[in-house]
Amino acid sequence: MAQSPDSKTGLAGVVAAAKQAPGRGLPPVHLWHPAHCGEIDIVIRRDGLWMHEGSPIGRAELVRLFSTVLRKDGDGYVLVTPGEKLSIRVEDLPFRAVAVERLGEVLVFTTDVGDETEAGPEHPISVETDPETGEPSPSVQVRADLWARITRAVFYELVGMASVEDGRLTVRSGGVAFALGPVGAGVE
């Protein structure tokens, strides 16, 4: 018996669910609670490259589609459809913030998959510092519990926008002050 288009599973099901609402925003993955169906061999590498079965996913449109059905649950990162939940592996954070622009009082980040995020109370900027090397590890919340690693070039742009407040380099966005790091710690 042939499967109906609505009963696709695995990679085909993920693609079908991601295409569900083109041009109308993100699919409502927070409302989908299907049974966990196992793993799919997709890895989002530390450098932001999406891999499937050991090969790069070369089509940016396909990566964008997958990113719209990505969710982080208590048991890790999953691609979710109304009928399936498949675990994937993420080496660092799922997205990269590859651009930042100041629009009035707001910093707007653009990710490597095309999301735009306004930093503020709902989408904070966080900077963790490696205790051994002192290397900053900045990120910004994109949606739900999905974060983007702020690339080095974008972080330098933020540092250039920063002012010194209480001995820390600080940027403001959406009425919130975000500390980038202490003055003199290699981020000035």
C-alpha atoms as a PDB file:
ATOM      1  CA  MET A   1       0.000   0.000   0.000  1.00  0.00           C
ATOM      2  CA  ALA A   2       1.431   3.390  -0.971  1.00  0.00           C
ATOM      3  CA  GLN A   3       1.990   6.046   1.681  1.00  0.00           C
ATOM      4  CA  SER A   4       0.002   9.238   1.454  1.00  0.00           C
ATOM      5  CA  PRO A   5       2.011  12.487   1.309  1.00  0.00           C
ATOM      6  CA  ASP A   6       0.867  13.195   4.869  1.00  0.00           C
ATOM      7  CA  SER A   7       2.455   9.993   6.201  1.00  0.00           C
ATOM      8  CA  LYS A   8       6.055  10.585   5.146  1.00  0.00           C
ATOM      9  CA  THR A   9       8.654   9.557   7.687  1.00  0.00           C
ATOM     10  CA  GLY A  10      12.344  10.203   8.306  1.00  0.00           C
ATOM     11  CA  LEU A  11      14.064  12.819   6.207  1.00  0.00           C
ATOM     12  CA  ALA A  12      11.130  13.065   3.779  1.00  0.00           C
ATOM     13  CA  GLY A  13       8.767  13.725   6.688  1.00  0.00           C
ATOM     14  CA  VAL A  14      10.994  16.468   8.064  1.00  0.00           C
ATOM     15  CA  VAL A  15      11.141  18.171   4.655  1.00  0.00           C
ATOM     16  CA  ALA A  16       7.358  17.877   4.228  1.00  0.00           C
ATOM     17  CA  ALA A  17       6.697  19.384   7.690  1.00  0.00           C
ATOM     18  CA  ALA A  18       9.167  22.222   7.132  1.00  0.00           C
ATOM     19  CA  LYS A  19       7.430  23.135   3.855  1.00  0.00           C
ATOM     20  CA  GLN A  20       4.069  23.203   5.605  1.00  0.00           C
ATOM     21  CA  ALA A  21       3.849  26.982   5.963  1.00  0.00           C
ATOM     22  CA  PRO A  22       6.204  28.630   3.448  1.00  0.00           C
ATOM     23  CA  GLY A  23       6.157  32.392   3.612  1.00  0.00           C
ATOM     24  CA  ARG A  24       4.057  32.339   6.786  1.00  0.00           C
ATOM     25  CA  GLY A  25       6.797  32.177   9.396  1.00  0.00           C
ATOM     26  CA  LEU A  26       8.049  29.246  11.382  1.00  0.00           C
ATOM     27  CA  PRO A  27       6.096  26.013  11.815  1.00  0.00           C
ATOM     28  CA  PRO A  28       4.554  25.681  15.306  1.00  0.00           C
ATOM     29  CA  VAL A  29       7.061  23.090  16.554  1.00  0.00           C
ATOM     30  CA  HIS A  30       6.301  24.021  20.170  1.00  0.00           C
ATOM     31  CA  LEU A  31       2.809  22.565  19.660  1.00  0.00           C
ATOM     32  CA  TRP A  32       3.993  19.257  18.217  1.00  0.00           C
ATOM     33  CA  HIS A  33       4.555  16.421  20.694  1.00  0.00           C
ATOM     34  CA  PRO A  34       4.970  13.210  18.692  1.00  0.00           C
ATOM     35  CA  ALA A  35       6.676  10.087  19.980  1.00  0.00           C
ATOM     36  CA  HIS A  36      10.468   9.982  19.747  1.00  0.00           C
ATOM     37  CA  CYS A  37      11.302   7.873  16.687  1.00  0.00           C
ATOM     38  CA  GLY A  38      15.081   7.570  17.061  1.00  0.00           C
ATOM     39  CA  GLU A  39      17.988   9.375  15.482  1.00  0.00           C
ATOM     40  CA  ILE A  40      18.709  10.769  12.062  1.00  0.00           C
ATOM     41  CA  ASP A  41      22.324  11.082  10.927  1.00  0.00           C
ATOM     42  CA  ILE A  42      22.432  14.879  10.851  1.00  0.00           C
ATOM     43  CA  VAL A  43      25.204  16.785  12.601  1.00  0.00           C
ATOM     44  CA  ILE A  44      25.488  20.546  12.914  1.00  0.00           C
ATOM     45  CA  ARG A  45      29.218  21.067  13.172  1.00  0.00           C
ATOM     46  CA  ARG A  46      30.897  23.658  15.369  1.00  0.00           C
ATOM     47  CA  ASP A  47      31.554  25.786  12.267  1.00  0.00           C
ATOM     48  CA  GLY A  48      27.819  25.808  11.381  1.00  0.00           C
ATOM     49  CA  LEU A  49      28.014  23.283   8.539  1.00  0.00           C
ATOM     50  CA  TRP A  50      25.080  20.872   8.453  1.00  0.00           C
ATOM     51  CA  MET A  51      26.094  17.295   7.591  1.00  0.00           C
ATOM     52  CA  HIS A  52      23.898  14.351   6.587  1.00  0.00           C
ATOM     53  CA  GLU A  53      25.397  10.863   6.626  1.00  0.00           C
ATOM     54  CA  GLY A  54      28.903  12.373   6.670  1.00  0.00           C
ATOM     55  CA  SER A  55      28.405  14.707   3.695  1.00  0.00           C
ATOM     56  CA  PRO A  56      27.681  18.441   3.766  1.00  0.00           C
ATOM     57  CA  ILE A  57      24.127  19.479   2.988  1.00  0.00           C
ATOM     58  CA  GLY A  58      24.969  21.724   0.068  1.00  0.00           C
ATOM     59  CA  ARG A  59      21.617  23.375  -0.538  1.00  0.00           C
ATOM     60  CA  ALA A  60      21.122  26.420   1.691  1.00  0.00           C
ATOM     61  CA  GLU A  61      17.357  26.172   1.132  1.00  0.00           C
ATOM     62  CA  LEU A  62      17.303  22.653   2.574  1.00  0.00           C
ATOM     63  CA  VAL A  63      19.352  23.692   5.624  1.00  0.00           C
ATOM     64  CA  ARG A  64      16.913  26.577   6.142  1.00  0.00           C
ATOM     65  CA  LEU A  65      13.973  24.175   5.932  1.00  0.00           C
ATOM     66  CA  PHE A  66      15.525  21.841   8.511  1.00  0.00           C
ATOM     67  CA  SER A  67      16.338  24.774  10.808  1.00  0.00           C
ATOM     68  CA  THR A  68      12.649  25.710  10.955  1.00  0.00           C
ATOM     69  CA  VAL A  69      11.699  22.343  12.498  1.00  0.00           C
ATOM     70  CA  LEU A  70      14.650  22.256  14.912  1.00  0.00           C
ATOM     71  CA  ARG A  71      13.870  22.265  18.611  1.00  0.00           C
ATOM     72  CA  LYS A  72      15.852  21.687  21.795  1.00  0.00           C
ATOM     73  CA  ASP A  73      14.142  19.369  24.242  1.00  0.00           C
ATOM     74  CA  GLY A  74      15.326  18.082  27.601  1.00  0.00           C
ATOM     75  CA  ASP A  75      16.973  15.148  25.845  1.00  0.00           C
ATOM     76  CA  GLY A  76      18.793  17.239  23.221  1.00  0.00           C
ATOM     77  CA  TYR A  77      18.276  18.677  19.763  1.00  0.00           C
ATOM     78  CA  VAL A  78      15.536  17.219  17.591  1.00  0.00           C
ATOM     79  CA  LEU A  79      13.910  17.729  14.231  1.00  0.00           C
ATOM     80  CA  VAL A  80      10.200  17.551  14.907  1.00  0.00           C
ATOM     81  CA  THR A  81       7.124  17.130  12.725  1.00  0.00           C
ATOM     82  CA  PRO A  82       3.514  16.592  13.774  1.00  0.00           C
ATOM     83  CA  GLY A  83       4.153  12.826  13.541  1.00  0.00           C
ATOM     84  CA  GLU A  84       7.838  12.290  14.399  1.00  0.00           C
ATOM     85  CA  LYS A  85      10.664  13.462  16.602  1.00  0.00           C
ATOM     86  CA  LEU A  86      14.193  12.581  15.470  1.00  0.00           C
ATOM     87  CA  SER A  87      17.369  13.330  17.433  1.00  0.00           C
ATOM     88  CA  ILE A  88      20.292  15.055  15.735  1.00  0.00           C
ATOM     89  CA  ARG A  89      23.753  15.999  17.014  1.00  0.00           C
ATOM     90  CA  VAL A  90      24.917  19.580  17.517  1.00  0.00           C
ATOM     91  CA  GLU A  91      28.615  20.075  18.285  1.00  0.00           C
ATOM     92  CA  ASP A  92      28.278  23.580  19.766  1.00  0.00           C
ATOM     93  CA  LEU A  93      25.209  25.740  19.101  1.00  0.00           C
ATOM     94  CA  PRO A  94      22.866  25.181  16.142  1.00  0.00           C
ATOM     95  CA  PHE A  95      23.265  28.615  14.554  1.00  0.00           C
ATOM     96  CA  ARG A  96      25.956  31.246  13.877  1.00  0.00           C
ATOM     97  CA  ALA A  97      25.234  34.979  14.215  1.00  0.00           C
ATOM     98  CA  VAL A  98      26.994  36.208  11.076  1.00  0.00           C
ATOM     99  CA  ALA A  99      25.880  39.863  11.034  1.00  0.00           C
ATOM    100  CA  VAL A 100      24.732  42.553  13.448  1.00  0.00           C
ATOM    101  CA  GLU A 101      23.126  45.905  12.756  1.00  0.00           C
ATOM    102  CA  ARG A 102      22.069  48.665  15.124  1.00  0.00           C
ATOM    103  CA  LEU A 103      18.539  49.857  14.328  1.00  0.00           C
ATOM    104  CA  GLY A 104      17.778  52.671  16.729  1.00  0.00           C
ATOM    105  CA  GLU A 105      18.003  51.253  20.238  1.00  0.00           C
ATOM    106  CA  VAL A 106      18.080  47.615  19.105  1.00  0.00           C
ATOM    107  CA  LEU A 107      20.820  45.277  17.901  1.00  0.00           C
ATOM    108  CA  VAL A 108      19.518  42.970  15.159  1.00  0.00           C
ATOM    109  CA  PHE A 109      21.492  39.777  14.538  1.00  0.00           C
ATOM    110  CA  THR A 110      21.227  37.708  11.362  1.00  0.00           C
ATOM    111  CA  THR A 111      22.048  34.010  11.533  1.00  0.00           C
ATOM    112  CA  ASP A 112      23.625  31.712   8.994  1.00  0.00           C
ATOM    113  CA  VAL A 113      20.161  30.246   8.259  1.00  0.00           C
ATOM    114  CA  GLY A 114      18.501  33.624   7.721  1.00  0.00           C
ATOM    115  CA  ASP A 115      16.807  34.216  11.075  1.00  0.00           C
ATOM    116  CA  GLU A 116      16.785  37.773  12.404  1.00  0.00           C
ATOM    117  CA  THR A 117      16.807  38.313  16.161  1.00  0.00           C
ATOM    118  CA  GLU A 118      16.484  41.535  18.117  1.00  0.00           C
ATOM    119  CA  ALA A 119      18.612  41.326  21.254  1.00  0.00           C
ATOM    120  CA  GLY A 120      16.725  42.337  24.380  1.00  0.00           C
ATOM    121  CA  PRO A 121      14.919  40.843  27.354  1.00  0.00           C
ATOM    122  CA  GLU A 122      13.425  37.983  25.292  1.00  0.00           C
ATOM    123  CA  HIS A 123      16.622  37.335  23.309  1.00  0.00           C
ATOM    124  CA  PRO A 124      19.653  37.939  25.541  1.00  0.00           C
ATOM    125  CA  ILE A 125      23.302  38.151  24.589  1.00  0.00           C
ATOM    126  CA  SER A 126      25.533  35.930  26.714  1.00  0.00           C
ATOM    127  CA  VAL A 127      29.326  35.862  26.922  1.00  0.00           C
ATOM    128  CA  GLU A 128      31.010  32.969  28.714  1.00  0.00           C
ATOM    129  CA  THR A 129      34.758  33.177  29.215  1.00  0.00           C
ATOM    130  CA  ASP A 130      37.083  30.171  29.155  1.00  0.00           C
ATOM    131  CA  PRO A 131      38.734  30.172  32.604  1.00  0.00           C
ATOM    132  CA  GLU A 132      42.031  28.824  31.234  1.00  0.00           C
ATOM    133  CA  THR A 133      42.462  30.892  28.059  1.00  0.00           C
ATOM    134  CA  GLY A 134      40.292  33.918  28.833  1.00  0.00           C
ATOM    135  CA  GLU A 135      38.732  33.466  25.379  1.00  0.00           C
ATOM    136  CA  PRO A 136      35.188  34.865  25.158  1.00  0.00           C
ATOM    137  CA  SER A 137      32.420  32.618  23.832  1.00  0.00           C
ATOM    138  CA  PRO A 138      29.524  34.938  22.893  1.00  0.00           C
ATOM    139  CA  SER A 139      26.024  33.866  21.876  1.00  0.00           C
ATOM    140  CA  VAL A 140      22.541  35.278  21.346  1.00  0.00           C
ATOM    141  CA  GLN A 141      19.221  33.538  21.865  1.00  0.00           C
ATOM    142  CA  VAL A 142      17.377  33.132  18.563  1.00  0.00           C
ATOM    143  CA  ARG A 143      14.104  31.435  19.508  1.00  0.00           C
ATOM    144  CA  ALA A 144      12.875  29.185  22.309  1.00  0.00           C
ATOM    145  CA  ASP A 145      16.019  27.423  23.612  1.00  0.00           C
ATOM    146  CA  LEU A 146      17.950  27.764  20.343  1.00  0.00           C
ATOM    147  CA  TRP A 147      21.054  29.961  20.414  1.00  0.00           C
ATOM    148  CA  ALA A 148      23.505  31.295  17.843  1.00  0.00           C
ATOM    149  CA  ARG A 149      27.250  31.463  18.408  1.00  0.00           C
ATOM    150  CA  ILE A 150      28.297  35.036  17.645  1.00  0.00           C
ATOM    151  CA  THR A 151      31.142  34.835  15.137  1.00  0.00           C
ATOM    152  CA  ARG A 152      34.457  36.488  15.923  1.00  0.00           C
ATOM    153  CA  ALA A 153      33.951  39.249  13.327  1.00  0.00           C
ATOM    154  CA  VAL A 154      30.496  40.094  14.703  1.00  0.00           C
ATOM    155  CA  PHE A 155      31.839  40.053  18.269  1.00  0.00           C
ATOM    156  CA  TYR A 156      34.503  42.569  17.255  1.00  0.00           C
ATOM    157  CA  GLU A 157      31.729  44.767  15.832  1.00  0.00           C
ATOM    158  CA  LEU A 158      29.937  44.556  19.193  1.00  0.00           C
ATOM    159  CA  VAL A 159      33.138  45.482  21.010  1.00  0.00           C
ATOM    160  CA  GLY A 160      33.427  48.511  18.707  1.00  0.00           C
ATOM    161  CA  MET A 161      29.871  49.543  19.684  1.00  0.00           C
ATOM    162  CA  ALA A 162      30.474  48.992  23.404  1.00  0.00           C
ATOM    163  CA  SER A 163      30.902  51.552  26.131  1.00  0.00           C
ATOM    164  CA  VAL A 164      32.575  51.053  29.510  1.00  0.00           C
ATOM    165  CA  GLU A 165      30.161  50.600  32.411  1.00  0.00           C
ATOM    166  CA  ASP A 166      31.439  49.551  35.835  1.00  0.00           C
ATOM    167  CA  GLY A 167      34.736  48.371  34.335  1.00  0.00           C
ATOM    168  CA  ARG A 168      33.032  46.160  31.737  1.00  0.00           C
ATOM    169  CA  LEU A 169      32.542  46.599  28.016  1.00  0.00           C
ATOM    170  CA  THR A 170      28.784  46.788  27.593  1.00  0.00           C
ATOM    171  CA  VAL A 171      26.325  47.021  24.706  1.00  0.00           C
ATOM    172  CA  ARG A 172      22.681  47.980  25.081  1.00  0.00           C
ATOM    173  CA  SER A 173      19.766  46.617  23.098  1.00  0.00           C
ATOM    174  CA  GLY A 174      16.043  46.642  23.706  1.00  0.00           C
ATOM    175  CA  GLY A 175      16.509  48.439  27.022  1.00  0.00           C
ATOM    176  CA  VAL A 176      18.927  45.839  28.411  1.00  0.00           C
ATOM    177  CA  ALA A 177      22.663  46.181  29.108  1.00  0.00           C
ATOM    178  CA  PHE A 178      24.754  43.169  28.051  1.00  0.00           C
ATOM    179  CA  ALA A 179      28.305  42.836  29.368  1.00  0.00           C
ATOM    180  CA  LEU A 180      30.823  41.620  26.790  1.00  0.00           C
ATOM    181  CA  GLY A 181      33.679  41.274  29.250  1.00  0.00           C
ATOM    182  CA  PRO A 182      35.933  43.233  31.573  1.00  0.00           C
ATOM    183  CA  VAL A 183      38.044  46.050  30.196  1.00  0.00           C
ATOM    184  CA  GLY A 184      41.620  44.792  29.725  1.00  0.00           C
ATOM    185  CA  ALA A 185      40.651  41.131  29.308  1.00  0.00           C
ATOM    186  CA  GLY A 186      41.508  40.988  25.640  1.00  0.00           C
ATOM    187  CA  VAL A 187      38.149  42.213  24.366  1.00  0.00           C
ATOM    188  CA  GLU A 188      38.877  45.914  24.227  1.00  0.00           C
END
